[in-house]
């Protein structure tokens, strides 16, 4: 979400309200059991990614993080890295 509360939803011809989390949520609804990533322990489906990113976003919100805040994460290059990216 834009730090200005979404007033300028279109910036430079790009719809800023449609982002990666929107794409993942739509895929979670239309193809929930389709794998989005394969990893050592198995697969991560769109449904699992959507649910995990929602939990992470809720946890960040509970910790006081609001749209527009910068959050740094240090994670290894694994399929699980998709979760915080999609929670944004």
Protein backbone atom coordinates (compact mmCIF):
# COMPACT_ATOMS: atom_id res chain seq x y z
CA UNK A 1 0.00 0.00 0.00
CA UNK A 2 1.21 3.48 -0.71
CA UNK A 3 2.35 5.57 2.21
CA UNK A 4 -0.11 8.28 1.16
CA UNK A 5 -3.03 5.99 1.98
CA UNK A 6 -3.63 4.97 -1.62
CA UNK A 7 -4.64 8.43 -2.84
CA UNK A 8 -2.40 8.10 -5.89
CA UNK A 9 -3.23 4.54 -6.89
CA UNK A 10 -1.71 5.01 -10.33
CA UNK A 11 1.85 6.20 -10.58
CA UNK A 12 3.66 6.56 -13.91
CA UNK A 13 0.98 4.56 -15.67
CA UNK A 14 1.30 1.56 -13.34
CA UNK A 15 -1.59 0.46 -11.15
CA UNK A 16 0.09 0.40 -7.71
CA UNK A 17 -2.87 -1.39 -6.10
CA UNK A 18 -2.14 -4.58 -8.09
CA UNK A 19 1.04 -6.23 -6.83
CA UNK A 20 2.64 -9.60 -6.20
CA UNK A 21 0.44 -10.35 -3.20
CA UNK A 22 -2.65 -9.78 -5.41
CA UNK A 23 -1.35 -12.24 -7.99
CA UNK A 24 -0.61 -14.87 -5.32
CA UNK A 25 -4.01 -14.40 -3.68
CA UNK A 26 -5.77 -14.81 -7.03
CA UNK A 27 -3.74 -17.95 -7.78
CA UNK A 28 -4.57 -19.24 -4.30
CA UNK A 29 -8.25 -18.95 -5.14
CA UNK A 30 -8.17 -20.20 -8.73
CA UNK A 31 -5.50 -22.93 -8.39
CA UNK A 32 -4.98 -23.47 -4.66
CA UNK A 33 -3.25 -26.84 -4.87
CA UNK A 34 -0.92 -25.95 -7.72
CA UNK A 35 2.74 -25.89 -6.64
CA UNK A 36 4.34 -22.48 -6.64
CA UNK A 37 7.75 -23.78 -5.53
CA UNK A 38 9.56 -27.04 -4.96
CA UNK A 39 12.00 -27.42 -2.08
CA UNK A 40 13.91 -30.12 -0.20
CA UNK A 41 10.94 -30.90 2.06
CA UNK A 42 8.39 -31.11 -0.76
CA UNK A 43 6.27 -28.46 -2.42
CA UNK A 44 4.72 -25.16 -1.49
CA UNK A 45 1.25 -24.65 -2.99
CA UNK A 46 -0.42 -21.34 -3.76
CA UNK A 47 -2.87 -22.00 -0.92
CA UNK A 48 -0.03 -22.60 1.57
CA UNK A 49 1.85 -19.53 0.35
CA UNK A 50 -1.27 -17.38 0.67
CA UNK A 51 -2.02 -18.69 4.18
CA UNK A 52 1.58 -18.34 5.38
CA UNK A 53 1.95 -14.83 3.97
CA UNK A 54 -1.34 -13.82 5.64
CA UNK A 55 -0.02 -15.11 9.00
CA UNK A 56 3.26 -13.23 8.55
CA UNK A 57 1.45 -10.02 7.56
CA UNK A 58 -0.83 -10.34 10.60
CA UNK A 59 2.17 -10.89 12.86
CA UNK A 60 3.93 -7.82 11.47
CA UNK A 61 0.74 -5.80 11.92
CA UNK A 62 0.43 -7.02 15.52
CA UNK A 63 4.04 -5.92 16.07
CA UNK A 64 3.12 -2.39 14.99
CA UNK A 65 4.22 -2.47 11.35
CA UNK A 66 1.91 -0.42 9.14
CA UNK A 67 1.76 0.03 5.36
CA UNK A 68 4.65 2.21 4.25
CA UNK A 69 7.05 0.99 6.97
CA UNK A 70 10.30 -0.56 5.82
CA UNK A 71 10.96 -4.07 7.14
CA UNK A 72 14.26 -5.88 6.67
CA UNK A 73 14.50 -9.65 6.54
CA UNK A 74 17.54 -11.86 6.23
CA UNK A 75 16.67 -15.29 4.94
CA UNK A 76 18.50 -18.02 3.06
CA UNK A 77 17.73 -18.61 -0.60
CA UNK A 78 14.93 -21.14 -0.06
CA UNK A 79 11.34 -21.54 -1.24
CA UNK A 80 10.21 -20.15 2.13
CA UNK A 81 11.66 -16.79 1.08
CA UNK A 82 8.51 -16.37 -1.05
CA UNK A 83 6.38 -15.99 2.09
CA UNK A 84 7.69 -12.60 3.26
CA UNK A 85 7.89 -11.32 -0.30
CA UNK A 86 4.23 -12.12 -0.85
CA UNK A 87 3.18 -10.72 2.54
CA UNK A 88 4.13 -7.21 1.49
